[in-house]
Amino acid sequence: MALAPKYAGQKLVANAHPQTLHTIELFLDYVCPFSKKIFNTVYDDVYPLVRQKYADKVQFIFRQQIQPWHPSSTLVHEAGVAVLQTDASKFWDFSRALFEKQTEFFDVNVVNETRNKTYERLAKIASSSGLDEKTIYSKLEVSDKPDKDGSLNIGNQVTNDLKPLIKHNRLQGIHVTPTVLFNGLVENGISSSFTKDDWAQWLEKNIV
């Protein structure tokens, strides 16, 4: 969980010089248009500003928020986990690329294709971010054969890593995307319509 810097004394750590950063958590769904909007603003405009003025004070966390009424939401977030498993440094670049193609994974555009076919398209997007397409697909592919013990609900190589992400978000009680948390608390003052200037003003007011 995030901890505001002013409460840093609550931490008990072995590091002699612990640093507590302000934490901005973005709960986003890859197939949510408003998530795309806030992600692009943060990634393209706000993060460069933070690097320039607040590099030692602020960190961002992308929280993958699956919205199950869109079945493809699970699949696209599984791809995000596959990227994390393969090369975590590529996660934000991959997310940028996936958001650019998000409409390709909206309900109408996935309803008539198999699950593994959707994974193939996701793996191709990952390759545009410098990841090996075959590696990503191998982590996502679901076999059509029973497991050795006869199990039919076998999942794929990202299933076990996806579960804790879902549990975390459920414990937080997050529902709407995008939702922004600032130091562990919902920040309703930030919306997907925030411009670079809006963010600059908010940061100036809140990052001390």
N, C-alpha and C. Protein backbone atom coordinates (compact mmCIF):
# COMPACT_ATOMS: atom_id res chain seq x y z
N MET A 1 0.83 -1.19 0.00
CA MET A 1 0.00 0.00 0.00
C MET A 1 0.87 1.24 0.00
N ALA A 2 0.34 2.32 -0.56
CA ALA A 2 1.07 3.58 -0.60
C ALA A 2 1.07 4.24 0.78
N LEU A 3 2.08 5.06 1.02
CA LEU A 3 2.20 5.77 2.29
C LEU A 3 2.63 7.20 1.99
N ALA A 4 1.87 8.17 2.47
CA ALA A 4 2.24 9.57 2.27
C ALA A 4 3.56 9.87 2.96
N PRO A 5 4.41 10.71 2.36
CA PRO A 5 5.70 11.02 2.97
C PRO A 5 5.61 11.53 4.39
N LYS A 6 4.57 12.28 4.73
CA LYS A 6 4.48 12.84 6.09
C LYS A 6 4.24 11.76 7.14
N TYR A 7 3.87 10.56 6.69
CA TYR A 7 3.68 9.46 7.61
C TYR A 7 4.84 8.47 7.56
N ALA A 8 5.96 8.89 7.03
CA ALA A 8 7.11 8.00 6.83
C ALA A 8 7.57 7.36 8.13
N GLY A 9 7.33 8.01 9.26
CA GLY A 9 7.73 7.46 10.54
C GLY A 9 7.04 6.17 10.89
N GLN A 10 5.95 5.86 10.20
CA GLN A 10 5.23 4.61 10.46
C GLN A 10 5.97 3.40 9.90
N LYS A 11 6.93 3.66 9.03
CA LYS A 11 7.66 2.54 8.43
C LYS A 11 8.76 2.04 9.36
N LEU A 12 8.98 0.75 9.32
CA LEU A 12 10.11 0.14 10.03
C LEU A 12 10.90 -0.62 8.98
N VAL A 13 12.04 -0.05 8.57
CA VAL A 13 12.83 -0.65 7.50
C VAL A 13 14.29 -0.75 7.92
N ALA A 14 15.00 -1.67 7.30
CA ALA A 14 16.39 -1.89 7.64
C ALA A 14 17.31 -0.86 6.98
N ASN A 15 16.85 -0.27 5.88
CA ASN A 15 17.65 0.73 5.17
C ASN A 15 17.85 1.95 6.07
N ALA A 16 19.08 2.38 6.21
CA ALA A 16 19.38 3.52 7.10
C ALA A 16 18.82 4.82 6.58
N HIS A 17 18.57 4.90 5.28
CA HIS A 17 18.07 6.15 4.70
C HIS A 17 16.85 5.86 3.82
N PRO A 18 15.74 5.45 4.45
CA PRO A 18 14.55 5.13 3.66
C PRO A 18 13.95 6.38 3.03
N GLN A 19 13.42 6.22 1.83
CA GLN A 19 12.80 7.34 1.14
C GLN A 19 11.33 7.01 0.88
N THR A 20 10.46 7.91 1.27
CA THR A 20 9.04 7.72 1.03
C THR A 20 8.60 8.69 -0.06
N LEU A 21 8.06 8.16 -1.13
CA LEU A 21 7.61 8.98 -2.24
C LEU A 21 6.10 9.14 -2.20
N HIS A 22 5.61 10.26 -2.69
CA HIS A 22 4.19 10.38 -2.99
C HIS A 22 3.86 9.35 -4.07
N THR A 23 2.75 8.67 -3.91
CA THR A 23 2.40 7.61 -4.86
C THR A 23 1.06 7.92 -5.52
N ILE A 24 1.08 7.96 -6.84
CA ILE A 24 -0.14 8.14 -7.64
C ILE A 24 -0.43 6.82 -8.33
N GLU A 25 -1.53 6.20 -7.94
CA GLU A 25 -1.92 4.91 -8.51
C GLU A 25 -3.03 5.13 -9.53
N LEU A 26 -2.84 4.59 -10.71
CA LEU A 26 -3.80 4.71 -11.79
C LEU A 26 -4.45 3.35 -12.03
N PHE A 27 -5.72 3.23 -11.69
CA PHE A 27 -6.46 1.99 -11.92
C PHE A 27 -7.10 2.11 -13.31
N LEU A 28 -6.55 1.34 -14.24
CA LEU A 28 -6.91 1.50 -15.65
C LEU A 28 -7.29 0.17 -16.28
N ASP A 29 -8.19 0.26 -17.26
CA ASP A 29 -8.58 -0.90 -18.05
C ASP A 29 -8.19 -0.64 -19.49
N TYR A 30 -7.50 -1.57 -20.10
CA TYR A 30 -7.02 -1.38 -21.46
C TYR A 30 -8.13 -1.16 -22.48
N VAL A 31 -9.34 -1.61 -22.18
CA VAL A 31 -10.43 -1.41 -23.14
C VAL A 31 -11.41 -0.33 -22.68
N CYS A 32 -10.96 0.55 -21.83
CA CYS A 32 -11.75 1.69 -21.37
C CYS A 32 -11.24 2.95 -22.06
N PRO A 33 -12.06 3.64 -22.85
CA PRO A 33 -11.61 4.85 -23.55
C PRO A 33 -11.10 5.94 -22.61
N PHE A 34 -11.71 6.06 -21.44
CA PHE A 34 -11.29 7.10 -20.51
C PHE A 34 -9.96 6.75 -19.84
N SER A 35 -9.72 5.43 -19.69
CA SER A 35 -8.41 5.00 -19.20
C SER A 35 -7.33 5.36 -20.20
N LYS A 36 -7.62 5.16 -21.47
CA LYS A 36 -6.66 5.54 -22.51
C LYS A 36 -6.35 7.02 -22.44
N LYS A 37 -7.36 7.82 -22.23
CA LYS A 37 -7.18 9.28 -22.22
C LYS A 37 -6.25 9.71 -21.09
N ILE A 38 -6.50 9.20 -19.88
CA ILE A 38 -5.66 9.62 -18.76
C ILE A 38 -4.26 9.02 -18.86
N PHE A 39 -4.17 7.79 -19.36
CA PHE A 39 -2.85 7.17 -19.53
C PHE A 39 -1.99 7.98 -20.48
N ASN A 40 -2.54 8.34 -21.64
CA ASN A 40 -1.77 9.07 -22.63
C ASN A 40 -1.29 10.41 -22.09
N THR A 41 -2.15 11.10 -21.34
CA THR A 41 -1.75 12.38 -20.77
C THR A 41 -0.63 12.20 -19.76
N VAL A 42 -0.77 11.20 -18.89
CA VAL A 42 0.26 10.96 -17.88
C VAL A 42 1.57 10.53 -18.54
N TYR A 43 1.49 9.60 -19.45
CA TYR A 43 2.71 9.04 -20.05
C TYR A 43 3.42 10.05 -20.96
N ASP A 44 2.65 10.77 -21.76
CA ASP A 44 3.24 11.66 -22.75
C ASP A 44 3.61 13.03 -22.19
N ASP A 45 2.81 13.54 -21.25
CA ASP A 45 2.97 14.92 -20.79
C ASP A 45 3.35 15.07 -19.32
N VAL A 46 2.70 14.30 -18.46
CA VAL A 46 2.88 14.49 -17.02
C VAL A 46 4.18 13.85 -16.53
N TYR A 47 4.46 12.65 -16.98
CA TYR A 47 5.68 11.98 -16.53
C TYR A 47 6.95 12.77 -16.86
N PRO A 48 7.06 13.33 -18.07
CA PRO A 48 8.23 14.18 -18.34
C PRO A 48 8.32 15.36 -17.38
N LEU A 49 7.19 15.95 -17.01
CA LEU A 49 7.18 17.04 -16.05
C LEU A 49 7.63 16.57 -14.68
N VAL A 50 7.16 15.39 -14.27
CA VAL A 50 7.56 14.83 -12.98
C VAL A 50 9.06 14.54 -12.97
N ARG A 51 9.58 14.01 -14.04
CA ARG A 51 11.02 13.74 -14.12
C ARG A 51 11.83 15.03 -13.97
N GLN A 52 11.28 16.11 -14.49
CA GLN A 52 11.98 17.38 -14.45
C GLN A 52 11.91 18.06 -13.07
N LYS A 53 10.73 18.00 -12.44
CA LYS A 53 10.52 18.80 -11.22
C LYS A 53 10.35 17.98 -9.94
N TYR A 54 9.88 16.73 -10.07
CA TYR A 54 9.51 15.98 -8.87
C TYR A 54 10.10 14.56 -8.85
N ALA A 55 11.22 14.38 -9.50
CA ALA A 55 11.76 13.03 -9.67
C ALA A 55 12.02 12.33 -8.35
N ASP A 56 12.35 13.07 -7.31
CA ASP A 56 12.66 12.47 -6.01
C ASP A 56 11.48 12.53 -5.05
N LYS A 57 10.28 12.83 -5.60
CA LYS A 57 9.12 13.00 -4.73
C LYS A 57 7.89 12.19 -5.14
N VAL A 58 7.82 11.78 -6.40
CA VAL A 58 6.58 11.16 -6.91
C VAL A 58 6.89 9.89 -7.68
N GLN A 59 6.02 8.89 -7.49
CA GLN A 59 6.06 7.69 -8.32
C GLN A 59 4.64 7.36 -8.79
N PHE A 60 4.55 6.76 -9.95
CA PHE A 60 3.28 6.31 -10.50
C PHE A 60 3.22 4.78 -10.46
N ILE A 61 2.03 4.25 -10.22
CA ILE A 61 1.80 2.81 -10.29
C ILE A 61 0.60 2.57 -11.20
N PHE A 62 0.80 1.72 -12.20
CA PHE A 62 -0.29 1.30 -13.09
C PHE A 62 -0.94 0.08 -12.45
N ARG A 63 -2.19 0.23 -12.04
CA ARG A 63 -2.96 -0.89 -11.50
C ARG A 63 -3.88 -1.43 -12.59
N GLN A 64 -3.69 -2.68 -12.96
CA GLN A 64 -4.51 -3.28 -14.01
C GLN A 64 -5.88 -3.66 -13.47
N GLN A 65 -6.90 -2.95 -13.96
CA GLN A 65 -8.26 -3.13 -13.46
C GLN A 65 -9.12 -3.81 -14.51
N ILE A 66 -9.33 -5.10 -14.36
CA ILE A 66 -10.15 -5.86 -15.30
C ILE A 66 -11.63 -5.52 -15.10
N GLN A 67 -12.31 -5.19 -16.20
CA GLN A 67 -13.75 -4.92 -16.17
C GLN A 67 -14.44 -6.08 -16.89
N PRO A 68 -14.98 -7.05 -16.13
CA PRO A 68 -15.39 -8.33 -16.73
C PRO A 68 -16.61 -8.27 -17.62
N TRP A 69 -17.35 -7.15 -17.64
CA TRP A 69 -18.48 -7.08 -18.57
C TRP A 69 -17.99 -6.95 -20.01
N HIS A 70 -16.71 -6.67 -20.17
CA HIS A 70 -16.06 -6.77 -21.48
C HIS A 70 -15.12 -7.98 -21.41
N PRO A 71 -15.52 -9.13 -21.93
CA PRO A 71 -14.70 -10.35 -21.78
C PRO A 71 -13.27 -10.20 -22.23
N SER A 72 -13.03 -9.36 -23.23
CA SER A 72 -11.66 -9.19 -23.71
C SER A 72 -10.78 -8.47 -22.70
N SER A 73 -11.38 -7.84 -21.72
CA SER A 73 -10.59 -7.12 -20.71
C SER A 73 -9.63 -8.07 -20.01
N THR A 74 -10.10 -9.26 -19.68
CA THR A 74 -9.22 -10.24 -19.05
C THR A 74 -8.05 -10.58 -19.97
N LEU A 75 -8.33 -10.77 -21.24
CA LEU A 75 -7.30 -11.20 -22.17
C LEU A 75 -6.22 -10.13 -22.35
N VAL A 76 -6.64 -8.89 -22.49
CA VAL A 76 -5.64 -7.83 -22.71
C VAL A 76 -4.79 -7.62 -21.47
N HIS A 77 -5.39 -7.76 -20.29
CA HIS A 77 -4.60 -7.61 -19.07
C HIS A 77 -3.69 -8.81 -18.84
N GLU A 78 -4.10 -9.97 -19.31
CA GLU A 78 -3.19 -11.12 -19.27
C GLU A 78 -1.95 -10.81 -20.09
N ALA A 79 -2.13 -10.15 -21.21
CA ALA A 79 -0.98 -9.78 -22.04
C ALA A 79 -0.06 -8.84 -21.27
N GLY A 80 -0.66 -7.92 -20.50
CA GLY A 80 0.15 -7.04 -19.68
C GLY A 80 0.99 -7.81 -18.67
N VAL A 81 0.41 -8.85 -18.09
CA VAL A 81 1.15 -9.68 -17.14
C VAL A 81 2.26 -10.45 -17.85
N ALA A 82 1.97 -10.94 -19.06
CA ALA A 82 3.00 -11.65 -19.82
C ALA A 82 4.20 -10.74 -20.09
N VAL A 83 3.93 -9.48 -20.34
CA VAL A 83 5.02 -8.52 -20.55
C VAL A 83 5.80 -8.33 -19.26
N LEU A 84 5.10 -8.21 -18.14
CA LEU A 84 5.78 -8.07 -16.85
C LEU A 84 6.69 -9.26 -16.57
N GLN A 85 6.23 -10.44 -16.91
CA GLN A 85 7.03 -11.65 -16.69
C GLN A 85 8.25 -11.70 -17.59
N THR A 86 8.13 -11.12 -18.77
CA THR A 86 9.19 -11.24 -19.78
C THR A 86 10.23 -10.13 -19.64
N ASP A 87 9.76 -8.90 -19.55
CA ASP A 87 10.66 -7.74 -19.40
C ASP A 87 9.85 -6.60 -18.83
N ALA A 88 9.89 -6.47 -17.51
CA ALA A 88 9.06 -5.47 -16.82
C ALA A 88 9.34 -4.05 -17.28
N SER A 89 10.54 -3.80 -17.77
CA SER A 89 10.89 -2.44 -18.21
C SER A 89 10.11 -2.02 -19.45
N LYS A 90 9.49 -2.99 -20.13
CA LYS A 90 8.73 -2.70 -21.34
C LYS A 90 7.25 -2.48 -21.08
N PHE A 91 6.82 -2.61 -19.81
CA PHE A 91 5.39 -2.62 -19.51
C PHE A 91 4.70 -1.33 -19.93
N TRP A 92 5.27 -0.18 -19.59
CA TRP A 92 4.61 1.09 -19.92
C TRP A 92 4.61 1.33 -21.43
N ASP A 93 5.70 0.97 -22.11
CA ASP A 93 5.73 1.11 -23.56
C ASP A 93 4.69 0.21 -24.21
N PHE A 94 4.59 -1.02 -23.72
CA PHE A 94 3.58 -1.94 -24.24
C PHE A 94 2.19 -1.38 -24.00
N SER A 95 1.96 -0.85 -22.81
CA SER A 95 0.64 -0.30 -22.49
C SER A 95 0.29 0.84 -23.43
N ARG A 96 1.27 1.68 -23.74
CA ARG A 96 1.04 2.78 -24.69
C ARG A 96 0.63 2.22 -26.04
N ALA A 97 1.32 1.20 -26.50
CA ALA A 97 1.01 0.60 -27.80
C ALA A 97 -0.36 -0.07 -27.80
N LEU A 98 -0.70 -0.74 -26.70
CA LEU A 98 -1.99 -1.41 -26.62
C LEU A 98 -3.13 -0.41 -26.56
N PHE A 99 -2.97 0.65 -25.80
CA PHE A 99 -4.02 1.67 -25.75
C PHE A 99 -4.27 2.26 -27.13
N GLU A 100 -3.22 2.41 -27.93
CA GLU A 100 -3.39 2.95 -29.27
C GLU A 100 -4.26 2.04 -30.14
N LYS A 101 -4.26 0.76 -29.83
CA LYS A 101 -5.04 -0.19 -30.62
C LYS A 101 -6.22 -0.77 -29.83
N GLN A 102 -6.64 -0.07 -28.80
CA GLN A 102 -7.63 -0.64 -27.90
C GLN A 102 -8.94 -0.99 -28.59
N THR A 103 -9.37 -0.20 -29.58
CA THR A 103 -10.65 -0.50 -30.24
C THR A 103 -10.64 -1.85 -30.94
N GLU A 104 -9.45 -2.33 -31.29
CA GLU A 104 -9.34 -3.64 -31.93
C GLU A 104 -9.73 -4.77 -30.98
N PHE A 105 -9.85 -4.44 -29.68
CA PHE A 105 -10.20 -5.45 -28.68
C PHE A 105 -11.52 -5.14 -27.99
N PHE A 106 -12.29 -4.22 -28.58
CA PHE A 106 -13.64 -3.96 -28.10
C PHE A 106 -14.53 -5.15 -28.46
N ASP A 107 -15.67 -5.25 -27.80
CA ASP A 107 -16.55 -6.41 -27.93
C ASP A 107 -16.79 -6.83 -29.38
N VAL A 108 -17.16 -5.87 -30.21
CA VAL A 108 -17.53 -6.19 -31.60
C VAL A 108 -16.36 -6.80 -32.36
N ASN A 109 -15.15 -6.41 -32.00
CA ASN A 109 -13.98 -6.85 -32.75
C ASN A 109 -13.33 -8.13 -32.23
N VAL A 110 -13.88 -8.71 -31.18
CA VAL A 110 -13.34 -9.98 -30.68
C VAL A 110 -14.38 -11.09 -30.61
N VAL A 111 -15.64 -10.74 -30.81
CA VAL A 111 -16.72 -11.70 -30.53
C VAL A 111 -16.65 -12.95 -31.39
N ASN A 112 -16.11 -12.84 -32.59
CA ASN A 112 -16.10 -13.99 -33.49
C ASN A 112 -14.74 -14.65 -33.64
N GLU A 113 -13.79 -14.34 -32.75
CA GLU A 113 -12.50 -15.00 -32.84
C GLU A 113 -12.23 -15.81 -31.58
N THR A 114 -11.38 -16.81 -31.71
CA THR A 114 -11.05 -17.64 -30.57
C THR A 114 -10.17 -16.87 -29.59
N ARG A 115 -10.11 -17.38 -28.39
CA ARG A 115 -9.28 -16.76 -27.35
C ARG A 115 -7.81 -16.72 -27.77
N ASN A 116 -7.31 -17.83 -28.28
CA ASN A 116 -5.90 -17.87 -28.68
C ASN A 116 -5.61 -16.94 -29.86
N LYS A 117 -6.61 -16.72 -30.71
CA LYS A 117 -6.42 -15.79 -31.82
C LYS A 117 -6.25 -14.37 -31.29
N THR A 118 -7.01 -14.04 -30.27
CA THR A 118 -6.86 -12.73 -29.64
C THR A 118 -5.47 -12.60 -29.03
N TYR A 119 -5.01 -13.67 -28.40
CA TYR A 119 -3.67 -13.67 -27.82
C TYR A 119 -2.60 -13.45 -28.91
N GLU A 120 -2.80 -14.03 -30.07
CA GLU A 120 -1.85 -13.84 -31.16
C GLU A 120 -1.74 -12.36 -31.52
N ARG A 121 -2.86 -11.68 -31.57
CA ARG A 121 -2.84 -10.26 -31.92
C ARG A 121 -2.18 -9.44 -30.82
N LEU A 122 -2.39 -9.83 -29.58
CA LEU A 122 -1.76 -9.13 -28.47
C LEU A 122 -0.25 -9.33 -28.46
N ALA A 123 0.16 -10.54 -28.77
CA ALA A 123 1.60 -10.83 -28.83
C ALA A 123 2.27 -10.01 -29.93
N LYS A 124 1.56 -9.78 -31.01
CA LYS A 124 2.12 -8.98 -32.10
C LYS A 124 2.30 -7.53 -31.66
N ILE A 125 1.36 -7.01 -30.88
CA ILE A 125 1.51 -5.66 -30.34
C ILE A 125 2.71 -5.59 -29.41
N ALA A 126 2.88 -6.63 -28.61
CA ALA A 126 4.03 -6.66 -27.70
C ALA A 126 5.34 -6.63 -28.47
N SER A 127 5.36 -7.26 -29.63
CA SER A 127 6.58 -7.28 -30.43
C SER A 127 6.95 -5.89 -30.91
N SER A 128 5.95 -5.01 -31.07
CA SER A 128 6.24 -3.64 -31.49
C SER A 128 6.92 -2.84 -30.39
N SER A 129 6.90 -3.37 -29.17
CA SER A 129 7.57 -2.72 -28.03
C SER A 129 8.91 -3.38 -27.71
N GLY A 130 9.40 -4.19 -28.65
CA GLY A 130 10.71 -4.80 -28.48
C GLY A 130 10.71 -6.13 -27.76
N LEU A 131 9.54 -6.75 -27.62
CA LEU A 131 9.45 -8.05 -26.97
C LEU A 131 9.32 -9.15 -28.01
N ASP A 132 9.75 -10.35 -27.64
CA ASP A 132 9.66 -11.47 -28.56
C ASP A 132 8.23 -11.97 -28.65
N GLU A 133 7.68 -11.93 -29.84
CA GLU A 133 6.27 -12.29 -30.05
C GLU A 133 5.98 -13.71 -29.63
N LYS A 134 6.86 -14.64 -29.96
CA LYS A 134 6.63 -16.04 -29.64
C LYS A 134 6.66 -16.27 -28.12
N THR A 135 7.55 -15.56 -27.43
CA THR A 135 7.63 -15.71 -25.98
C THR A 135 6.35 -15.23 -25.31
N ILE A 136 5.86 -14.08 -25.74
CA ILE A 136 4.63 -13.55 -25.17
C ILE A 136 3.46 -14.48 -25.45
N TYR A 137 3.36 -14.95 -26.68
CA TYR A 137 2.25 -15.84 -27.02
C TYR A 137 2.32 -17.14 -26.22
N SER A 138 3.51 -17.66 -26.02
CA SER A 138 3.64 -18.92 -25.29
C SER A 138 3.14 -18.79 -23.85
N LYS A 139 3.23 -17.61 -23.30
CA LYS A 139 2.75 -17.40 -21.93
C LYS A 139 1.22 -17.25 -21.88
N LEU A 140 0.63 -16.88 -23.01
CA LEU A 140 -0.81 -16.62 -23.07
C LEU A 140 -1.62 -17.79 -23.60
N GLU A 141 -1.03 -18.57 -24.47
CA GLU A 141 -1.76 -19.65 -25.14
C GLU A 141 -2.38 -20.62 -24.13
N VAL A 142 -3.62 -20.99 -24.42
CA VAL A 142 -4.31 -22.00 -23.62
C VAL A 142 -4.44 -23.27 -24.45
N SER A 143 -3.99 -24.39 -23.91
CA SER A 143 -4.06 -25.65 -24.63
C SER A 143 -5.50 -26.13 -24.75
N ASP A 144 -5.77 -26.86 -25.81
CA ASP A 144 -7.09 -27.48 -25.97
C ASP A 144 -7.08 -28.93 -25.52
N LYS A 145 -6.02 -29.30 -24.79
CA LYS A 145 -5.90 -30.66 -24.26
C LYS A 145 -5.96 -30.62 -22.72
N PRO A 146 -6.55 -31.64 -22.09
CA PRO A 146 -6.57 -31.69 -20.62
C PRO A 146 -5.16 -31.71 -20.05
N ASP A 147 -5.02 -31.23 -18.82
CA ASP A 147 -3.73 -31.27 -18.14
C ASP A 147 -3.40 -32.72 -17.77
N LYS A 148 -2.20 -32.93 -17.26
CA LYS A 148 -1.76 -34.29 -16.93
C LYS A 148 -2.67 -34.95 -15.90
N ASP A 149 -3.26 -34.13 -15.01
CA ASP A 149 -4.14 -34.70 -13.99
C ASP A 149 -5.59 -34.76 -14.43
N GLY A 150 -5.82 -34.43 -15.70
CA GLY A 150 -7.18 -34.46 -16.24
C GLY A 150 -7.93 -33.16 -16.10
N SER A 151 -7.32 -32.17 -15.48
CA SER A 151 -7.98 -30.89 -15.28
C SER A 151 -8.29 -30.21 -16.61
N LEU A 152 -9.46 -29.57 -16.66
CA LEU A 152 -9.87 -28.87 -17.88
C LEU A 152 -9.77 -27.36 -17.73
N ASN A 153 -9.71 -26.87 -16.50
CA ASN A 153 -9.53 -25.44 -16.24
C ASN A 153 -8.05 -25.18 -15.99
N ILE A 154 -7.26 -25.21 -17.04
CA ILE A 154 -5.81 -25.21 -16.86
C ILE A 154 -5.18 -23.82 -16.90
N GLY A 155 -5.93 -22.83 -17.42
CA GLY A 155 -5.38 -21.49 -17.48
C GLY A 155 -4.17 -21.41 -18.40
N ASN A 156 -3.32 -20.42 -18.14
CA ASN A 156 -2.09 -20.28 -18.92
C ASN A 156 -0.96 -19.87 -17.99
N GLN A 157 0.15 -19.46 -18.54
CA GLN A 157 1.33 -19.19 -17.71
C GLN A 157 1.25 -17.88 -16.93
N VAL A 158 0.23 -17.08 -17.19
CA VAL A 158 0.11 -15.82 -16.44
C VAL A 158 -0.99 -15.88 -15.37
N THR A 159 -1.76 -16.96 -15.35
CA THR A 159 -2.92 -17.04 -14.45
C THR A 159 -2.55 -16.77 -13.00
N ASN A 160 -1.51 -17.42 -12.51
CA ASN A 160 -1.17 -17.29 -11.09
C ASN A 160 -0.67 -15.89 -10.73
N ASP A 161 -0.08 -15.18 -11.69
CA ASP A 161 0.37 -13.82 -11.43
C ASP A 161 -0.77 -12.82 -11.58
N LEU A 162 -1.78 -13.18 -12.34
CA LEU A 162 -2.93 -12.29 -12.52
C LEU A 162 -3.81 -12.25 -11.27
N LYS A 163 -3.93 -13.37 -10.60
CA LYS A 163 -4.83 -13.47 -9.45
C LYS A 163 -4.52 -12.45 -8.35
N PRO A 164 -3.25 -12.28 -7.92
CA PRO A 164 -2.97 -11.29 -6.87
C PRO A 164 -3.30 -9.86 -7.29
N LEU A 165 -3.17 -9.55 -8.58
CA LEU A 165 -3.52 -8.21 -9.04
C LEU A 165 -5.01 -7.96 -8.87
N ILE A 166 -5.81 -8.97 -9.19
CA ILE A 166 -7.26 -8.85 -9.03
C ILE A 166 -7.63 -8.76 -7.55
N LYS A 167 -6.99 -9.58 -6.72
CA LYS A 167 -7.27 -9.54 -5.28
C LYS A 167 -6.95 -8.17 -4.69
N HIS A 168 -5.82 -7.60 -5.10
CA HIS A 168 -5.43 -6.28 -4.60
C HIS A 168 -6.50 -5.25 -4.90
N ASN A 169 -6.97 -5.22 -6.14
CA ASN A 169 -7.95 -4.22 -6.54
C ASN A 169 -9.29 -4.43 -5.84
N ARG A 170 -9.65 -5.69 -5.62
CA ARG A 170 -10.90 -5.97 -4.89
C ARG A 170 -10.81 -5.48 -3.45
N LEU A 171 -9.65 -5.68 -2.83
CA LEU A 171 -9.47 -5.20 -1.46
C LEU A 171 -9.56 -3.69 -1.37
N GLN A 172 -9.18 -3.02 -2.44
CA GLN A 172 -9.26 -1.56 -2.49
C GLN A 172 -10.68 -1.08 -2.77
N GLY A 173 -11.53 -1.98 -3.23
CA GLY A 173 -12.92 -1.61 -3.54
C GLY A 173 -13.04 -0.77 -4.80
N ILE A 174 -12.10 -0.93 -5.72
CA ILE A 174 -12.12 -0.13 -6.94
C ILE A 174 -13.15 -0.70 -7.92
N HIS A 175 -13.93 0.18 -8.52
CA HIS A 175 -14.93 -0.24 -9.49
C HIS A 175 -14.78 0.53 -10.81
N VAL A 176 -14.82 1.85 -10.73
CA VAL A 176 -14.82 2.69 -11.92
C VAL A 176 -13.42 2.82 -12.49
N THR A 177 -13.32 2.83 -13.83
CA THR A 177 -12.05 3.16 -14.48
C THR A 177 -12.26 4.41 -15.32
N PRO A 178 -11.27 5.30 -15.28
CA PRO A 178 -10.10 5.25 -14.40
C PRO A 178 -10.43 5.73 -12.99
N THR A 179 -9.73 5.18 -12.01
CA THR A 179 -9.74 5.68 -10.64
C THR A 179 -8.30 6.01 -10.27
N VAL A 180 -8.12 7.15 -9.61
CA VAL A 180 -6.79 7.58 -9.19
C VAL A 180 -6.71 7.59 -7.67
N LEU A 181 -5.67 6.97 -7.14
CA LEU A 181 -5.39 7.04 -5.70
C LEU A 181 -4.13 7.87 -5.50
N PHE A 182 -4.18 8.74 -4.49
CA PHE A 182 -3.01 9.53 -4.12
C PHE A 182 -2.64 9.17 -2.69
N ASN A 183 -1.49 8.57 -2.54
CA ASN A 183 -1.02 8.10 -1.23
C ASN A 183 -2.05 7.21 -0.55
N GLY A 184 -2.66 6.34 -1.35
CA GLY A 184 -3.56 5.32 -0.82
C GLY A 184 -5.01 5.73 -0.70
N LEU A 185 -5.34 6.99 -1.00
CA LEU A 185 -6.71 7.47 -0.90
C LEU A 185 -7.22 7.88 -2.27
N VAL A 186 -8.52 7.63 -2.52
CA VAL A 186 -9.11 8.00 -3.80
C VAL A 186 -9.03 9.52 -3.97
N GLU A 187 -8.50 9.93 -5.12
CA GLU A 187 -8.38 11.35 -5.44
C GLU A 187 -9.38 11.70 -6.53
N ASN A 188 -10.57 12.14 -6.08
CA ASN A 188 -11.63 12.46 -7.03
C ASN A 188 -11.39 13.78 -7.76
N GLY A 189 -10.38 14.52 -7.32
CA GLY A 189 -10.07 15.78 -7.97
C GLY A 189 -9.36 15.62 -9.30
N ILE A 190 -8.90 14.40 -9.59
CA ILE A 190 -8.23 14.13 -10.86
C ILE A 190 -9.18 13.34 -11.76
N SER A 191 -9.31 13.77 -12.99
CA SER A 191 -10.20 13.08 -13.93
C SER A 191 -9.48 12.82 -15.24
N SER A 192 -10.12 12.03 -16.09
CA SER A 192 -9.52 11.71 -17.39
C SER A 192 -9.46 12.93 -18.29
N SER A 193 -10.23 13.96 -17.96
CA SER A 193 -10.23 15.18 -18.78
C SER A 193 -9.10 16.13 -18.40
N PHE A 194 -8.33 15.80 -17.38
CA PHE A 194 -7.20 16.64 -16.96
C PHE A 194 -6.22 16.84 -18.12
N THR A 195 -5.86 18.10 -18.34
CA THR A 195 -4.84 18.42 -19.32
C THR A 195 -3.48 18.46 -18.64
N LYS A 196 -2.44 18.67 -19.44
CA LYS A 196 -1.10 18.82 -18.87
C LYS A 196 -1.07 19.97 -17.87
N ASP A 197 -1.72 21.07 -18.20
CA ASP A 197 -1.74 22.23 -17.30
C ASP A 197 -2.50 21.92 -16.02
N ASP A 198 -3.60 21.17 -16.13
CA ASP A 198 -4.35 20.77 -14.93
C ASP A 198 -3.48 19.94 -14.01
N TRP A 199 -2.76 19.01 -14.61
CA TRP A 199 -1.86 18.17 -13.82
C TRP A 199 -0.76 19.00 -13.17
N ALA A 200 -0.22 19.94 -13.92
CA ALA A 200 0.86 20.78 -13.39
C ALA A 200 0.38 21.55 -12.16
N GLN A 201 -0.83 22.08 -12.25
CA GLN A 201 -1.39 22.82 -11.11
C GLN A 201 -1.64 21.90 -9.93
N TRP A 202 -2.14 20.71 -10.21
CA TRP A 202 -2.42 19.76 -9.12
C TRP A 202 -1.12 19.34 -8.44
N LEU A 203 -0.12 19.05 -9.21
CA LEU A 203 1.18 18.65 -8.64
C LEU A 203 1.77 19.77 -7.81
N GLU A 204 1.71 20.98 -8.30
CA GLU A 204 2.25 22.12 -7.56
C GLU A 204 1.58 22.28 -6.21
N LYS A 205 0.30 21.98 -6.17
CA LYS A 205 -0.47 22.13 -4.93
C LYS A 205 -0.24 20.98 -3.97
N ASN A 206 -0.06 19.77 -4.48
CA ASN A 206 -0.09 18.58 -3.63
C ASN A 206 1.27 17.94 -3.34
N ILE A 207 2.27 18.22 -4.14
CA ILE A 207 3.57 17.60 -3.93
C ILE A 207 4.47 18.54 -3.15
N VAL A 208 4.64 18.21 -1.89
CA VAL A 208 5.46 19.06 -1.01
C VAL A 208 6.53 18.20 -0.33
